[in-house]
Protein backbone atom coordinates (compact mmCIF):
# COMPACT_ATOMS: atom_id res chain seq x y z
CA UNK A 1 38.33 40.96 115.92
CA UNK A 2 36.12 43.93 116.64
CA UNK A 3 34.83 44.07 120.20
CA UNK A 4 36.95 47.11 120.98
CA UNK A 5 35.21 49.00 118.18
CA UNK A 6 31.88 48.68 119.86
CA UNK A 7 31.91 50.26 123.28
CA UNK A 8 34.04 53.42 123.11
CA UNK A 9 32.46 56.82 123.15
CA UNK A 10 33.48 58.94 120.17
CA UNK A 11 32.30 62.26 118.73
CA UNK A 12 29.22 61.70 116.65
CA UNK A 13 29.76 61.76 112.91
CA UNK A 14 27.43 62.11 109.96
CA UNK A 15 25.93 58.85 108.74
CA UNK A 16 28.36 57.15 106.39
CA UNK A 17 26.67 56.63 103.01
CA UNK A 18 29.25 54.02 101.93
CA UNK A 19 28.61 51.62 104.77
CA UNK A 20 25.43 49.66 105.31
CA UNK A 21 24.47 48.26 108.69
CA UNK A 22 21.46 46.06 109.31
CA UNK A 23 20.30 43.94 112.21
CA UNK A 24 17.85 41.03 112.43
CA UNK A 25 16.33 39.30 115.39
CA UNK A 26 18.84 37.09 117.21
CA UNK A 27 21.62 38.33 114.95
CA UNK A 28 23.94 41.26 115.30
CA UNK A 29 24.67 44.04 112.81
CA UNK A 30 25.89 43.39 109.28
CA UNK A 31 28.23 45.78 107.47
CA UNK A 32 28.75 45.73 103.72
CA UNK A 33 31.05 47.63 101.40
CA UNK A 34 31.81 47.54 97.69
CA UNK A 35 35.59 47.84 97.41
CA UNK A 36 37.11 49.07 94.15
CA UNK A 37 39.80 46.38 94.05
CA UNK A 38 40.21 42.70 93.17
CA UNK A 39 39.30 40.10 95.77
CA UNK A 40 42.94 39.10 96.27
CA UNK A 41 43.78 42.58 97.60
CA UNK A 42 40.76 42.62 99.91
CA UNK A 43 41.80 39.23 101.32
CA UNK A 44 45.33 40.52 101.84
CA UNK A 45 43.99 43.52 103.77
CA UNK A 46 42.01 41.19 106.05
CA UNK A 47 44.72 38.62 106.75
CA UNK A 48 48.21 40.14 106.54
CA UNK A 49 49.43 41.98 109.67
CA UNK A 50 51.21 44.75 107.75
CA UNK A 51 47.98 45.59 105.94
CA UNK A 52 45.70 45.29 108.98
CA UNK A 53 47.90 47.80 110.81
CA UNK A 54 47.02 50.38 108.18
CA UNK A 55 43.26 50.35 108.82
CA UNK A 56 42.37 48.72 112.14
CA UNK A 57 40.46 51.11 114.38
CA UNK A 58 38.20 54.16 113.97
CA UNK A 59 39.39 57.52 112.72
CA UNK A 60 42.28 58.81 114.83
CA UNK A 61 43.17 55.37 116.22
CA UNK A 62 46.31 53.41 115.37
CA UNK A 63 47.15 49.70 115.55
CA UNK A 64 50.61 49.25 117.13
CA UNK A 65 50.36 45.45 117.42
CA UNK A 66 48.74 43.01 114.98
CA UNK A 67 49.53 39.30 115.33
CA UNK A 68 47.84 36.74 113.09
CA UNK A 69 48.16 32.95 113.04
CA UNK A 70 46.01 32.30 109.99
CA UNK A 71 44.94 28.65 110.24
CA UNK A 72 41.86 26.84 111.59
CA UNK A 73 42.31 26.94 115.36
CA UNK A 74 44.91 29.69 115.09
CA UNK A 75 44.50 32.91 117.05
CA UNK A 76 44.94 36.62 116.51
CA UNK A 77 45.81 39.46 118.90
CA UNK A 78 45.15 43.08 117.96
CA UNK A 79 45.99 46.27 119.85
CA UNK A 80 44.14 49.47 119.03
CA UNK A 81 45.45 52.77 120.42
CA UNK A 82 43.15 55.74 120.99
CA UNK A 83 44.20 59.34 120.28
CA UNK A 84 44.87 59.82 124.01
CA UNK A 85 47.20 56.80 124.10
CA UNK A 86 44.95 54.13 125.64
CA UNK A 87 45.29 50.62 124.23
CA UNK A 88 42.35 48.29 123.63
CA UNK A 89 43.23 44.66 122.94
CA UNK A 90 41.11 42.02 121.21
CA UNK A 91 41.64 38.35 120.48
CA UNK A 92 39.91 35.36 118.98
CA UNK A 93 40.22 32.07 117.15
CA UNK A 94 39.85 31.31 113.46
CA UNK A 95 37.03 28.78 113.21
CA UNK A 96 36.72 28.67 109.44
CA UNK A 97 39.05 29.81 106.66
CA UNK A 98 38.16 29.57 102.97
CA UNK A 99 40.95 31.47 101.18
CA UNK A 100 39.74 34.43 99.13
CA UNK A 101 36.14 33.78 100.22
CA UNK A 102 35.32 33.55 103.91
CA UNK A 103 36.54 33.87 107.49
CA UNK A 104 34.65 32.92 110.64
CA UNK A 105 36.28 34.03 113.88
CA UNK A 106 35.50 34.41 117.55
CA UNK A 107 35.85 37.90 118.99
CA UNK A 108 36.67 38.86 122.57
CA UNK A 109 38.24 41.67 124.53
CA UNK A 110 41.70 40.79 125.79
CA UNK A 111 44.62 42.03 127.83
CA UNK A 112 48.03 42.63 126.29
CA UNK A 113 49.01 38.98 126.85
CA UNK A 114 46.01 37.73 124.88
CA UNK A 115 43.94 36.58 127.85
CA UNK A 116 40.19 37.00 127.33
CA UNK A 117 38.71 39.68 129.61
CA UNK A 118 35.16 41.04 130.06
CA UNK A 119 34.14 44.36 128.51
CA UNK A 120 34.09 45.85 132.01
CA UNK A 121 37.92 45.55 131.96
CA UNK A 122 37.80 48.60 129.69
CA UNK A 123 34.93 50.28 131.52
CA UNK A 124 32.26 49.13 129.09
CA UNK A 125 28.88 47.41 129.43
CA UNK A 126 28.94 44.55 131.93
CA UNK A 127 26.39 42.57 129.91
CA UNK A 128 28.56 42.57 126.80
CA UNK A 129 29.10 38.93 125.64
CA UNK A 130 32.48 37.49 126.59
CA UNK A 131 32.79 36.14 123.04
CA UNK A 132 30.98 36.76 119.76
CA UNK A 133 31.21 35.01 116.41
CA UNK A 134 31.89 37.10 113.31
CA UNK A 135 31.52 36.01 109.69
CA UNK A 136 33.44 37.87 106.99
CA UNK A 137 32.82 37.10 103.32
CA UNK A 138 34.31 38.56 100.17
CA UNK A 139 32.61 38.17 96.82
CA UNK A 140 34.24 39.37 93.60
CA UNK A 141 31.69 41.16 91.47
CA UNK A 142 31.76 43.27 88.35
CA UNK A 143 33.37 46.56 89.29
CA UNK A 144 35.02 45.38 92.50
CA UNK A 145 34.67 43.17 95.55
CA UNK A 146 31.78 43.02 98.00
CA UNK A 147 32.88 42.78 101.63
CA UNK A 148 30.28 41.60 104.17
CA UNK A 149 30.96 41.49 107.90
CA UNK A 150 28.20 39.94 110.03
CA UNK A 151 27.91 39.45 113.79
CA UNK A 152 26.23 36.14 114.53
CA UNK A 153 24.67 37.45 117.76
CA UNK A 154 23.59 40.84 119.06
CA UNK A 155 25.64 43.10 121.31
CA UNK A 156 23.88 45.22 123.97
CA UNK A 157 21.56 47.71 122.29
CA UNK A 158 23.25 50.67 123.99
CA UNK A 159 26.56 50.05 122.17
CA UNK A 160 25.09 49.50 118.70
CA UNK A 161 25.42 53.15 117.62
CA UNK A 162 29.06 53.29 118.70
CA UNK A 163 29.74 49.95 117.00
CA UNK A 164 28.21 51.22 113.76
CA UNK A 165 30.22 54.42 113.82
CA UNK A 166 33.42 52.58 114.72
CA UNK A 167 33.06 50.06 111.93
CA UNK A 168 32.14 52.65 109.32
CA UNK A 169 35.23 54.70 110.20
CA UNK A 170 37.41 51.58 110.15
CA UNK A 171 36.00 50.52 106.79
CA UNK A 172 36.76 54.00 105.42
CA UNK A 173 40.38 53.36 106.40
CA UNK A 174 40.14 49.84 104.97
CA UNK A 175 39.09 51.19 101.58
CA UNK A 176 41.88 53.77 101.66
CA UNK A 177 44.51 51.13 102.52
CA UNK A 178 43.33 48.82 99.75
CA UNK A 179 43.29 51.74 97.31
CA UNK A 180 46.86 52.67 98.22
CA UNK A 181 47.95 49.05 97.76
CA UNK A 182 46.20 48.90 94.39
CA UNK A 183 48.00 52.06 93.24
CA UNK A 184 51.32 50.74 94.50
CA UNK A 185 50.90 47.49 92.57
CA UNK A 186 50.10 49.37 89.39
CA UNK A 187 53.55 50.99 89.50
CA UNK A 188 55.42 47.67 89.38
CA UNK A 189 54.28 45.13 86.79
CA UNK A 190 54.95 41.41 87.25
CA UNK A 191 54.91 39.16 84.19
CA UNK A 192 54.94 35.43 84.92
CA UNK A 193 53.33 33.38 82.17
CA UNK A 194 52.09 29.89 83.13
CA UNK A 195 54.40 27.05 82.15
CA UNK A 196 57.50 29.21 81.70
CA UNK A 197 60.59 29.18 83.91
CA UNK A 198 61.03 32.95 83.97
CA UNK A 199 59.40 36.00 85.54
CA UNK A 200 59.92 39.70 84.92
CA UNK A 201 59.29 42.85 86.92
CA UNK A 202 58.99 46.24 85.21
CA UNK A 203 58.87 49.74 86.67
CA UNK A 204 59.51 53.28 85.46
CA UNK A 205 61.49 55.50 87.85
CA UNK A 206 61.21 59.28 87.59
CA UNK A 207 64.98 59.85 87.56
CA UNK A 208 67.79 59.57 84.99
CA UNK A 209 69.32 56.17 84.26
CA UNK A 210 72.64 56.87 85.96
CA UNK A 211 70.90 57.38 89.28
CA UNK A 212 69.13 54.01 89.10
CA UNK A 213 72.35 52.31 87.95
CA UNK A 214 74.24 53.70 90.94
CA UNK A 215 71.59 52.37 93.34
CA UNK A 216 71.94 48.92 91.73
CA UNK A 217 75.74 48.81 91.97
CA UNK A 218 76.77 50.88 95.03
CA UNK A 219 76.84 48.69 98.20
CA UNK A 220 76.09 51.64 100.48
CA UNK A 221 72.92 52.35 98.52
CA UNK A 222 71.95 48.68 98.12
CA UNK A 223 71.95 48.37 101.92
CA UNK A 224 69.14 50.92 102.03
CA UNK A 225 66.62 49.18 99.78
CA UNK A 226 67.44 45.57 98.82
CA UNK A 227 64.67 43.84 100.83
CA UNK A 228 61.13 44.42 102.13
CA UNK A 229 60.90 46.88 105.03
CA UNK A 230 60.77 44.22 107.74
CA UNK A 231 64.37 43.24 107.07
CA UNK A 232 67.73 44.72 108.01
CA UNK A 233 70.18 44.52 105.10
CA UNK A 234 73.87 43.70 105.49
CA UNK A 235 76.26 43.75 102.53
CA UNK A 236 79.03 41.21 103.03
CA UNK A 237 80.57 41.46 99.54
CA UNK A 238 79.67 43.42 96.45
CA UNK A 239 82.11 43.80 93.57
CA UNK A 240 79.91 45.01 90.73
CA UNK A 241 82.07 44.07 87.73
CA UNK A 242 82.25 41.06 85.39
CA UNK A 243 83.53 38.14 87.46
CA UNK A 244 82.90 39.97 90.73
CA UNK A 245 80.93 38.32 93.52
CA UNK A 246 78.23 39.57 95.85
CA UNK A 247 76.81 38.28 99.13
CA UNK A 248 74.03 39.90 101.15
CA UNK A 249 72.04 39.22 104.30
CA UNK A 250 68.41 39.93 105.16
CA UNK A 251 67.71 39.75 108.90
CA UNK A 252 64.21 39.99 110.38
CA UNK A 253 63.12 41.34 113.77
CA UNK A 254 63.23 37.87 115.31
CA UNK A 255 66.87 37.47 114.33
CA UNK A 256 66.29 35.02 111.48
CA UNK A 257 68.99 35.38 108.83
CA UNK A 258 68.64 34.82 105.09
CA UNK A 259 71.84 34.85 103.03
CA UNK A 260 72.03 35.28 99.26
CA UNK A 261 75.00 35.31 96.90
CA UNK A 262 75.91 35.39 93.22
CA UNK A 263 78.39 36.33 90.51
CA UNK A 264 78.30 39.27 88.10
CA UNK A 265 78.60 38.41 84.39
CA UNK A 266 77.90 41.80 82.83
CA UNK A 267 77.80 45.27 84.36
CA UNK A 268 77.05 48.42 82.34
CA UNK A 269 74.72 51.42 82.66
CA UNK A 270 72.26 49.66 80.32
CA UNK A 271 72.47 46.02 81.44
CA UNK A 272 73.43 44.02 84.53
CA UNK A 273 73.59 40.22 84.40
CA UNK A 274 74.27 38.18 87.54
CA UNK A 275 73.37 34.94 89.29
CA UNK A 276 71.26 34.70 92.44
CA UNK A 277 71.20 31.85 94.95
CA UNK A 278 69.47 31.58 98.32
CA UNK A 279 71.88 29.84 100.66
CA UNK A 280 68.99 28.24 102.54
CA UNK A 281 68.21 26.23 99.38
CA UNK A 282 71.58 25.66 97.70
CA UNK A 283 71.68 24.39 94.15
CA UNK A 284 68.76 26.46 92.86
CA UNK A 285 70.54 29.15 90.84
CA UNK A 286 68.63 31.99 89.18
CA UNK A 287 70.01 34.07 86.32
CA UNK A 288 69.04 37.73 86.65
CA UNK A 289 69.06 40.15 83.71
CA UNK A 290 68.39 43.79 84.51
CA UNK A 291 68.00 46.26 81.64
CA UNK A 292 67.88 50.01 82.12
CA UNK A 293 66.18 51.99 79.35
CA UNK A 294 66.63 55.75 79.12
CA UNK A 295 63.26 57.47 78.67
CA UNK A 296 64.59 61.02 78.55
CA UNK A 297 65.09 61.80 82.23
CA UNK A 298 63.15 58.73 83.37
CA UNK A 299 64.29 55.12 83.54
CA UNK A 300 62.47 51.90 82.67
CA UNK A 301 63.93 49.06 84.72
CA UNK A 302 63.16 45.50 83.62
CA UNK A 303 64.40 42.65 85.81
CA UNK A 304 64.06 39.21 84.25
CA UNK A 305 64.71 36.16 86.43
CA UNK A 306 65.37 32.85 84.64
CA UNK A 307 64.97 29.81 86.89
CA UNK A 308 66.30 26.29 86.44
CA UNK A 309 62.77 24.89 86.15
CA UNK A 310 59.12 25.89 86.05
CA UNK A 311 58.77 24.35 89.51
CA UNK A 312 61.50 26.63 90.89
CA UNK A 313 59.81 29.68 89.33
CA UNK A 314 56.39 28.77 90.66
CA UNK A 315 57.83 28.03 94.10
CA UNK A 316 59.41 31.48 94.21
CA UNK A 317 56.11 33.09 93.22
CA UNK A 318 54.26 31.22 95.96
CA UNK A 319 56.86 32.27 98.53
CA UNK A 320 55.90 35.95 98.10
CA UNK A 321 58.11 37.10 95.23
CA UNK A 322 55.43 39.45 93.89
CA UNK A 323 54.67 41.34 97.10
CA UNK A 324 58.27 41.28 98.29
CA UNK A 325 59.53 42.51 94.95
CA UNK A 326 57.03 45.33 94.78
CA UNK A 327 57.82 46.50 98.30
CA UNK A 328 61.55 46.32 97.60
CA UNK A 329 61.19 48.40 94.46
CA UNK A 330 59.04 50.87 96.39
CA UNK A 331 62.05 51.35 98.64
CA UNK A 332 64.30 51.74 95.61
CA UNK A 333 61.97 54.41 94.22
CA UNK A 334 61.90 56.25 97.54
CA UNK A 335 65.71 56.29 97.54
CA UNK A 336 66.41 57.37 93.97
CA UNK A 337 63.43 59.71 93.58
CA UNK A 338 64.07 61.53 96.85
CA UNK A 339 64.32 65.26 96.20
């Protein structure tokens, strides 16, 4: 997952005091960082495409394509774009996956279709190995999480300096991305006590209550925030009054469609009560209770979801309710707090 970091010529930078790189005989460099975040967030930044896009590549580089099939034997394909618009592709196979603890992957240069190519394809050292093994471990420690990335074999000596600089710059971006995610999570609180069939999300919005209420009840506004960013939102029906019905669609980039519907029981500027049902799993009805508390120009929104069983609640949590809910409420905040 890192060959392209190793052979490109970049302006020399001062030695990064945060990163540590060592090398032993018959083994490549090792990079370590202490990340000020829980292990779960560090794992997310290593394994979820949306997060990897935010840090992959040295300073000034972007990552327009990140594809991850996270399973033993699964593959990944990364594209890294230089400031002058040149793309460098890398691919590999996941050899070992221990969730929240360890990844072992192969690492090769690739073309845009994922075919392995030699380093000379990008004008780099001809003696660069066609494939290298990389071990990545994360260890939660007091004060944060220790990230260790180790090459199991050595690259050509002449690219070691560029590799070190590239990884240190990428890990700077990694820390920043994890820090941003940590701050984002702190804004939206999820409460889901073990053994209970309910879960609540809480967030304070820096706008008056009427503005949040409008965004929760106006179909034109709902279509701008009611899903994570990867989805297009279509409002089929939305009659926000007691007895009124709603039906909405989330459509992803591949064309997959996810329909949801429900009935409003109460609608007022302080409280909205409605049902929620995913049409892909009919019969599992959730009761949603949203309360809007006026904090003097700010609004505390609490959304409690009451499921039919603990199993239904836990299944929703495992399906990504926490991350999806936080991202959706980020979009709501961007809409209502826009100056």
